[in-house]
């Protein structure tokens, strides 16, 4: 008999991993979470949706998130397509119960969720990188784990668990290992982003909204943060953007794009680039399937869609709720677990497809304006 160290091994400590781990620990399962980095760590994706609030409440993390002092987000302000003036929409028009969310600093937000997992009894091991997973057995998974203090992969130790939750984000441990990832032919973009100090906010009542401004080659986001900084990023075609970066350099191209959008340029006229710019390439993809007999993919490890509607963290949290139910069912009853795999996949894909179609329609309207 192989030594089983945990009921569930979670790979990755971002919102998907920490929330899945927490929900499973709340049900009494023994959970080990391995995170390659040491938190806090930097991450883009600061703008949350109100639909994430009930999940934060369910996981027990909401009180700490609320106490952190993150700016409230009541909606979005946009200049899109042929429009030349900003217009705003508000969450309260869709939900009176959850009329706002937060603009978060992801390094701190993600740390709060990971600390919350610890408080619920998850065995969190930071600076532990999972190199590979052996899925050959239907009874357990075998992970090769390398702690940060060891440099040689041959020094990795083996960790066995009954079930694997792959929350490894865009690294996509299982998707890459098993050749599951398929790129989205419609969204072939890259983002250049950085953090500015002293950026001007939108006028009230929209001062804490995310601001989105389209331009000829893509669009720009500006997100105010409670630190006084602003997250600012540009999304452009991947082929065009890569060539421009090679020819001009990242920062020169970034500043040229920001200057080409009149309203954004005005918000940044007195601002200084504090961190960055950073580049994220070719991010839209989906795995061929999200689950197996002893594993499940959650969050960005399963799929990622364009960030136009701030769906990334919400899909991570939502998939965590679905995955926790699926994993718990599988561990309790193998046959029922096999049947519930399709339910998990159907529900997660349905949410993904909703955001994808919404983004596709918006991009199409901008390109034809």
Protein backbone atom coordinates (compact mmCIF):
# COMPACT_ATOMS: atom_id res chain seq x y z
CA UNK A 1 0.00 0.00 0.00
CA UNK A 2 1.27 3.47 -0.88
CA UNK A 3 1.48 6.04 1.90
CA UNK A 4 -1.33 8.60 1.53
CA UNK A 5 -0.46 11.92 3.14
CA UNK A 6 -3.72 13.73 2.42
CA UNK A 7 -7.21 13.28 1.06
CA UNK A 8 -6.64 16.15 -1.38
CA UNK A 9 -3.54 17.80 -2.79
CA UNK A 10 -4.15 21.33 -4.09
CA UNK A 11 -1.50 22.71 -6.43
CA UNK A 12 -1.47 26.52 -6.35
CA UNK A 13 -2.41 29.06 -3.71
CA UNK A 14 -4.20 31.68 -5.78
CA UNK A 15 -7.92 32.43 -5.36
CA UNK A 16 -9.00 29.16 -7.02
CA UNK A 17 -6.65 26.95 -5.02
CA UNK A 18 -7.02 28.60 -1.63
CA UNK A 19 -10.83 28.74 -1.90
CA UNK A 20 -11.19 25.13 -3.06
CA UNK A 21 -8.89 24.02 -0.25
CA UNK A 22 -10.84 26.02 2.33
CA UNK A 23 -14.23 24.68 1.26
CA UNK A 24 -12.94 21.10 1.35
CA UNK A 25 -11.31 21.58 4.75
CA UNK A 26 -14.60 22.97 6.05
CA UNK A 27 -16.13 19.61 5.14
CA UNK A 28 -13.55 17.74 7.21
CA UNK A 29 -11.17 16.56 4.49
CA UNK A 30 -7.41 16.56 5.07
CA UNK A 31 -6.01 19.03 2.54
CA UNK A 32 -2.40 19.84 1.62
CA UNK A 33 -1.81 22.92 -0.53
CA UNK A 34 1.53 23.39 -2.31
CA UNK A 35 2.33 26.87 -3.62
CA UNK A 36 5.50 27.48 -5.63
CA UNK A 37 5.98 31.05 -4.40
CA UNK A 38 6.03 32.74 -1.02
CA UNK A 39 3.15 35.15 -0.40
CA UNK A 40 2.61 38.02 -0.79
CA UNK A 41 3.43 37.84 -4.48
CA UNK A 42 2.55 40.22 -7.29
CA UNK A 43 -0.34 39.41 -9.63
CA UNK A 44 -2.41 41.35 -12.10
CA UNK A 45 -6.23 41.26 -11.99
CA UNK A 46 -7.41 43.76 -9.41
CA UNK A 47 -11.03 44.35 -10.33
CA UNK A 48 -13.63 42.02 -8.75
CA UNK A 49 -17.28 41.33 -9.59
CA UNK A 50 -20.16 41.38 -7.07
CA UNK A 51 -20.97 37.76 -7.91
CA UNK A 52 -17.78 36.84 -6.02
CA UNK A 53 -19.05 38.30 -2.73
CA UNK A 54 -21.29 35.35 -1.70
CA UNK A 55 -18.37 32.98 -2.37
CA UNK A 56 -16.09 35.02 -0.11
CA UNK A 57 -18.82 34.86 2.53
CA UNK A 58 -19.12 31.09 2.11
CA UNK A 59 -15.36 30.57 2.46
CA UNK A 60 -15.18 32.78 5.55
CA UNK A 61 -12.78 35.24 3.92
CA UNK A 62 -15.15 38.17 3.38
CA UNK A 63 -14.67 39.88 6.76
CA UNK A 64 -10.90 40.05 6.31
CA UNK A 65 -11.24 41.27 2.71
CA UNK A 66 -13.69 43.98 3.79
CA UNK A 67 -11.47 45.03 6.69
CA UNK A 68 -8.46 45.52 4.43
CA UNK A 69 -9.82 48.85 3.16
CA UNK A 70 -9.92 48.04 -0.54
CA UNK A 71 -11.81 50.59 -2.63
CA UNK A 72 -15.46 49.76 -3.36
CA UNK A 73 -16.28 49.13 -7.00
CA UNK A 74 -19.80 50.16 -8.02
CA UNK A 75 -19.54 49.62 -11.77
CA UNK A 76 -17.57 50.51 -14.86
CA UNK A 77 -17.04 53.57 -17.02
CA UNK A 78 -16.28 53.08 -20.70
CA UNK A 79 -15.44 54.76 -23.97
CA UNK A 80 -16.00 52.13 -26.64
CA UNK A 81 -16.29 51.85 -30.41
CA UNK A 82 -17.40 55.05 -32.09
CA UNK A 83 -18.23 56.73 -28.79
CA UNK A 84 -16.16 59.73 -27.78
CA UNK A 85 -17.60 60.40 -24.33
CA UNK A 86 -17.50 58.10 -21.28
CA UNK A 87 -20.63 56.30 -20.10
CA UNK A 88 -21.14 54.27 -16.94
CA UNK A 89 -23.08 51.22 -15.84
CA UNK A 90 -23.67 50.12 -12.24
CA UNK A 91 -23.97 46.78 -10.48
CA UNK A 92 -26.98 48.02 -8.50
CA UNK A 93 -29.02 47.93 -11.70
CA UNK A 94 -28.56 44.15 -11.82
CA UNK A 95 -28.50 43.32 -8.10
CA UNK A 96 -29.74 45.21 -5.08
CA UNK A 97 -28.32 42.55 -2.74
CA UNK A 98 -24.74 42.87 -4.02
CA UNK A 99 -24.45 46.36 -5.54
CA UNK A 100 -20.67 46.59 -5.23
CA UNK A 101 -17.43 44.66 -5.16
CA UNK A 102 -13.80 45.68 -4.57
CA UNK A 103 -10.78 47.01 -6.41
CA UNK A 104 -8.11 44.91 -4.70
CA UNK A 105 -4.35 44.80 -4.50
CA UNK A 106 -3.92 41.21 -5.60
CA UNK A 107 -0.79 40.54 -3.59
CA UNK A 108 -2.72 41.29 -0.41
CA UNK A 109 -6.07 39.87 -1.53
CA UNK A 110 -4.53 36.52 -2.47
CA UNK A 111 -2.60 36.43 0.81
CA UNK A 112 -5.83 36.98 2.77
CA UNK A 113 -7.44 34.00 1.01
CA UNK A 114 -4.40 31.81 1.65
CA UNK A 115 -4.28 32.81 5.32
CA UNK A 116 -7.98 32.01 5.53
CA UNK A 117 -7.28 28.50 4.21
CA UNK A 118 -4.71 28.01 6.98
CA UNK A 119 -7.24 29.13 9.58
CA UNK A 120 -9.62 26.41 8.40
CA UNK A 121 -6.97 23.73 8.81
CA UNK A 122 -5.42 23.48 5.35
CA UNK A 123 -1.77 22.36 5.47
CA UNK A 124 -0.33 25.23 3.39
CA UNK A 125 3.21 24.75 2.12
CA UNK A 126 4.57 27.84 0.43
CA UNK A 127 7.76 27.73 -1.66
CA UNK A 128 6.91 24.14 -2.63
CA UNK A 129 6.86 23.68 -6.39
CA UNK A 130 5.07 20.66 -7.83
CA UNK A 131 7.19 19.43 -10.73
CA UNK A 132 4.97 16.66 -12.06
CA UNK A 133 1.95 14.52 -11.27
CA UNK A 134 1.59 10.78 -11.85
CA UNK A 135 -2.06 9.99 -12.59
CA UNK A 136 -1.62 6.32 -13.48
CA UNK A 137 -3.46 5.01 -10.42
CA UNK A 138 -7.21 5.46 -9.96
CA UNK A 139 -6.74 5.25 -6.19
CA UNK A 140 -4.24 8.05 -5.62
CA UNK A 141 -2.09 10.70 -7.29
CA UNK A 142 1.67 10.95 -6.86
CA UNK A 143 3.25 14.40 -6.89
CA UNK A 144 6.93 15.26 -7.14
CA UNK A 145 7.46 18.33 -4.95
CA UNK A 146 10.57 20.49 -4.75
CA UNK A 147 10.96 22.83 -1.75
CA UNK A 148 12.65 26.18 -2.41
CA UNK A 149 15.71 25.28 -0.35
CA UNK A 150 16.51 22.46 -2.79
CA UNK A 151 17.86 23.41 -6.23
CA UNK A 152 18.17 20.01 -7.87
CA UNK A 153 14.95 18.43 -9.21
CA UNK A 154 16.41 15.07 -8.19
CA UNK A 155 15.96 16.23 -4.59
CA UNK A 156 12.17 16.44 -5.00
CA UNK A 157 10.14 14.37 -2.56
CA UNK A 158 7.00 12.37 -3.27
CA UNK A 159 3.63 13.42 -1.88
CA UNK A 160 0.65 11.12 -2.35
CA UNK A 161 -3.01 12.07 -2.05
CA UNK A 162 -6.33 10.52 -2.94
CA UNK A 163 -7.34 13.40 -5.22
CA UNK A 164 -5.66 16.32 -7.00
CA UNK A 165 -6.97 19.86 -7.44
CA UNK A 166 -4.91 21.60 -10.12
CA UNK A 167 -5.07 25.33 -9.37
CA UNK A 168 -1.69 26.07 -10.94
CA UNK A 169 -3.05 29.04 -12.90
CA UNK A 170 -1.79 29.83 -16.38
CA UNK A 171 1.15 27.47 -15.82
CA UNK A 172 -1.46 24.74 -16.28
CA UNK A 173 0.41 21.82 -14.73
CA UNK A 174 -1.95 19.02 -15.82
CA UNK A 175 -3.14 20.69 -19.03
CA UNK A 176 0.43 21.01 -20.26
CA UNK A 177 1.57 17.64 -18.95
CA UNK A 178 -1.37 15.83 -20.58
CA UNK A 179 -1.49 18.09 -23.67
CA UNK A 180 -5.02 19.30 -22.95
CA UNK A 181 -4.75 23.02 -23.69
CA UNK A 182 -6.38 24.55 -26.78
CA UNK A 183 -5.88 28.21 -27.69
CA UNK A 184 -8.85 30.43 -28.49
CA UNK A 185 -8.54 31.61 -32.12
CA UNK A 186 -10.64 34.74 -31.51
CA UNK A 187 -8.71 36.18 -28.55
CA UNK A 188 -5.06 36.27 -29.57
CA UNK A 189 -3.93 39.24 -27.55
CA UNK A 190 -1.23 40.41 -25.23
CA UNK A 191 -1.35 42.86 -22.35
CA UNK A 192 1.20 45.39 -21.21
CA UNK A 193 0.53 46.76 -17.75
CA UNK A 194 2.07 48.72 -14.92
CA UNK A 195 1.26 50.63 -11.75
CA UNK A 196 1.14 54.43 -11.68
CA UNK A 197 1.22 56.81 -8.74
CA UNK A 198 -0.68 60.13 -8.71
CA UNK A 199 -3.13 59.14 -11.45
CA UNK A 200 -6.25 61.31 -11.59
CA UNK A 201 -9.50 59.50 -10.78
CA UNK A 202 -12.75 59.75 -12.69
CA UNK A 203 -15.18 62.40 -11.45
CA UNK A 204 -17.80 61.42 -8.87
CA UNK A 205 -19.83 59.27 -8.62
CA UNK A 206 -17.51 57.10 -10.71
CA UNK A 207 -14.18 57.75 -8.98
CA UNK A 208 -13.68 54.11 -7.96
CA UNK A 209 -15.01 52.53 -11.16
CA UNK A 210 -12.79 50.62 -13.50
CA UNK A 211 -12.28 52.79 -16.60
CA UNK A 212 -12.05 51.14 -20.02
CA UNK A 213 -11.15 53.11 -23.16
CA UNK A 214 -11.00 51.54 -26.59
CA UNK A 215 -8.56 52.62 -29.24
CA UNK A 216 -7.79 51.63 -32.82
CA UNK A 217 -5.56 48.69 -31.88
CA UNK A 218 -7.25 47.49 -28.66
CA UNK A 219 -8.29 48.87 -25.29
CA UNK A 220 -6.92 50.23 -22.01
CA UNK A 221 -7.93 49.65 -18.39
CA UNK A 222 -7.37 51.98 -15.45
CA UNK A 223 -8.18 50.66 -11.97
CA UNK A 224 -7.82 52.89 -8.87
CA UNK A 225 -6.40 51.19 -5.77
CA UNK A 226 -6.65 52.02 -2.07
CA UNK A 227 -2.86 52.47 -1.93
CA UNK A 228 -3.16 55.59 -4.09
CA UNK A 229 -1.75 53.78 -7.11
CA UNK A 230 -3.59 52.78 -10.26
CA UNK A 231 -3.31 49.59 -12.28
CA UNK A 232 -3.12 50.56 -15.95
CA UNK A 233 -2.92 48.07 -18.80
CA UNK A 234 -3.25 47.90 -22.57
CA UNK A 235 -4.65 44.93 -24.50
CA UNK A 236 -3.59 44.63 -28.16
CA UNK A 237 -3.28 42.02 -30.87
CA UNK A 238 -0.52 39.59 -29.94
CA UNK A 239 1.26 39.58 -33.32
CA UNK A 240 1.23 43.36 -33.69
CA UNK A 241 2.15 43.94 -30.06
CA UNK A 242 5.05 41.47 -30.09
CA UNK A 243 6.54 43.11 -33.18
CA UNK A 244 6.19 46.59 -31.69
CA UNK A 245 7.84 45.49 -28.45
CA UNK A 246 10.77 44.01 -30.38
CA UNK A 247 11.21 47.17 -32.45
CA UNK A 248 10.45 49.86 -29.86
CA UNK A 249 10.98 48.29 -26.47
CA UNK A 250 8.21 47.54 -23.99
CA UNK A 251 8.07 50.86 -22.12
CA UNK A 252 8.25 53.07 -25.22
CA UNK A 253 5.45 51.12 -26.88
CA UNK A 254 3.41 51.11 -23.67
CA UNK A 255 3.64 54.89 -23.31
CA UNK A 256 2.82 55.41 -27.00
CA UNK A 257 -0.37 53.36 -26.61
CA UNK A 258 -1.42 55.22 -23.47
CA UNK A 259 -0.85 58.57 -25.19
CA UNK A 260 -3.06 57.49 -28.12
CA UNK A 261 -6.16 57.30 -25.88
CA UNK A 262 -7.14 60.88 -25.07
CA UNK A 263 -9.15 60.31 -21.89
CA UNK A 264 -6.67 57.87 -20.35
CA UNK A 265 -3.79 60.16 -21.26
CA UNK A 266 -5.52 62.96 -19.39
CA UNK A 267 -5.89 60.78 -16.27
CA UNK A 268 -2.16 60.02 -16.39
CA UNK A 269 -0.82 63.48 -17.21
CA UNK A 270 0.58 63.94 -13.69
CA UNK A 271 1.20 60.25 -12.99
CA UNK A 272 4.50 58.41 -12.68
CA UNK A 273 5.11 54.78 -13.68
CA UNK A 274 5.96 53.15 -10.36
CA UNK A 275 6.23 49.47 -11.34
CA UNK A 276 6.46 47.82 -14.71
CA UNK A 277 5.67 47.63 -17.50
CA UNK A 278 5.05 43.89 -17.57
CA UNK A 279 3.86 41.76 -20.49
CA UNK A 280 1.39 38.84 -20.56
CA UNK A 281 1.06 37.02 -23.90
CA UNK A 282 -1.47 34.71 -25.54
CA UNK A 283 -3.72 34.13 -22.56
CA UNK A 284 -7.07 32.88 -23.92
CA UNK A 285 -7.38 29.10 -23.87
CA UNK A 286 -9.43 26.15 -22.65
CA UNK A 287 -8.51 22.61 -21.64
CA UNK A 288 -10.08 19.76 -23.63
CA UNK A 289 -11.57 18.50 -20.40
CA UNK A 290 -11.53 19.79 -16.82
CA UNK A 291 -11.51 16.56 -14.82
CA UNK A 292 -10.40 12.95 -14.60
CA UNK A 293 -10.98 10.04 -12.28
CA UNK A 294 -8.72 11.54 -9.61
CA UNK A 295 -8.16 15.17 -10.56
CA UNK A 296 -9.94 18.41 -11.38
CA UNK A 297 -8.77 21.65 -12.99
CA UNK A 298 -9.96 24.90 -11.42
CA UNK A 299 -9.58 28.56 -12.27
CA UNK A 300 -7.00 29.50 -14.89
CA UNK A 301 -5.62 25.95 -14.91
CA UNK A 302 -8.79 24.97 -16.79
CA UNK A 303 -9.43 28.03 -18.93
CA UNK A 304 -8.88 31.75 -19.19
CA UNK A 305 -10.79 34.35 -21.14
CA UNK A 306 -9.91 37.90 -22.09
CA UNK A 307 -9.95 40.28 -19.07
CA UNK A 308 -12.42 42.78 -20.58
CA UNK A 309 -15.15 42.05 -18.02
CA UNK A 310 -12.95 41.29 -14.99
CA UNK A 311 -14.08 37.67 -15.01
CA UNK A 312 -10.81 35.99 -13.99
CA UNK A 313 -11.08 36.02 -10.21
CA UNK A 314 -14.81 35.33 -10.31
CA UNK A 315 -14.36 32.25 -12.52
CA UNK A 316 -11.60 31.10 -10.16
CA UNK A 317 -13.85 31.43 -7.10
CA UNK A 318 -16.92 30.01 -8.81
CA UNK A 319 -15.01 26.99 -10.10
CA UNK A 320 -13.70 26.48 -6.55
CA UNK A 321 -17.26 26.07 -5.24
CA UNK A 322 -18.13 23.64 -8.03
CA UNK A 323 -14.88 21.71 -7.67
CA UNK A 324 -15.19 21.36 -3.90
CA UNK A 325 -18.61 19.75 -4.37
CA UNK A 326 -17.26 17.47 -7.11
CA UNK A 327 -14.18 16.36 -5.15
CA UNK A 328 -16.12 15.73 -1.96
CA UNK A 329 -18.69 13.68 -3.86
CA UNK A 330 -15.94 11.65 -5.56
CA UNK A 331 -14.20 10.85 -2.29
CA UNK A 332 -17.47 9.81 -0.65
CA UNK A 333 -18.78 7.76 -3.57
CA UNK A 334 -16.60 6.92 -6.58
CA UNK A 335 -19.48 6.07 -8.91
CA UNK A 336 -21.44 9.18 -8.00
CA UNK A 337 -18.25 11.17 -8.40
CA UNK A 338 -17.83 9.95 -11.96
CA UNK A 339 -21.37 11.06 -12.74
CA UNK A 340 -20.81 14.47 -11.13
CA UNK A 341 -17.71 15.15 -13.24
CA UNK A 342 -19.89 16.07 -16.20
CA UNK A 343 -21.96 18.37 -13.99
CA UNK A 344 -18.82 20.22 -12.88
CA UNK A 345 -17.59 20.57 -16.44
CA UNK A 346 -20.96 21.66 -17.82
CA UNK A 347 -21.45 24.34 -15.18
CA UNK A 348 -17.92 25.75 -15.43
CA UNK A 349 -17.94 25.78 -19.24
CA UNK A 350 -21.34 27.49 -19.23
CA UNK A 351 -19.99 30.35 -17.10
CA UNK A 352 -16.86 30.61 -19.25
CA UNK A 353 -18.90 30.64 -22.47
CA UNK A 354 -21.11 33.43 -21.10
CA UNK A 355 -18.15 35.74 -20.49
CA UNK A 356 -16.48 34.72 -23.74
CA UNK A 357 -19.53 35.56 -25.85
CA UNK A 358 -20.01 38.87 -24.09
CA UNK A 359 -16.36 39.80 -24.71
CA UNK A 360 -16.56 38.62 -28.34
CA UNK A 361 -19.57 40.83 -29.02
CA UNK A 362 -17.87 43.83 -27.43
CA UNK A 363 -14.68 43.31 -29.43
CA UNK A 364 -16.70 42.94 -32.61
CA UNK A 365 -18.51 46.20 -31.96
CA UNK A 366 -15.21 47.98 -31.45
CA UNK A 367 -13.65 46.56 -34.61
CA UNK A 368 -16.60 47.52 -36.76
CA UNK A 369 -17.11 50.99 -35.28
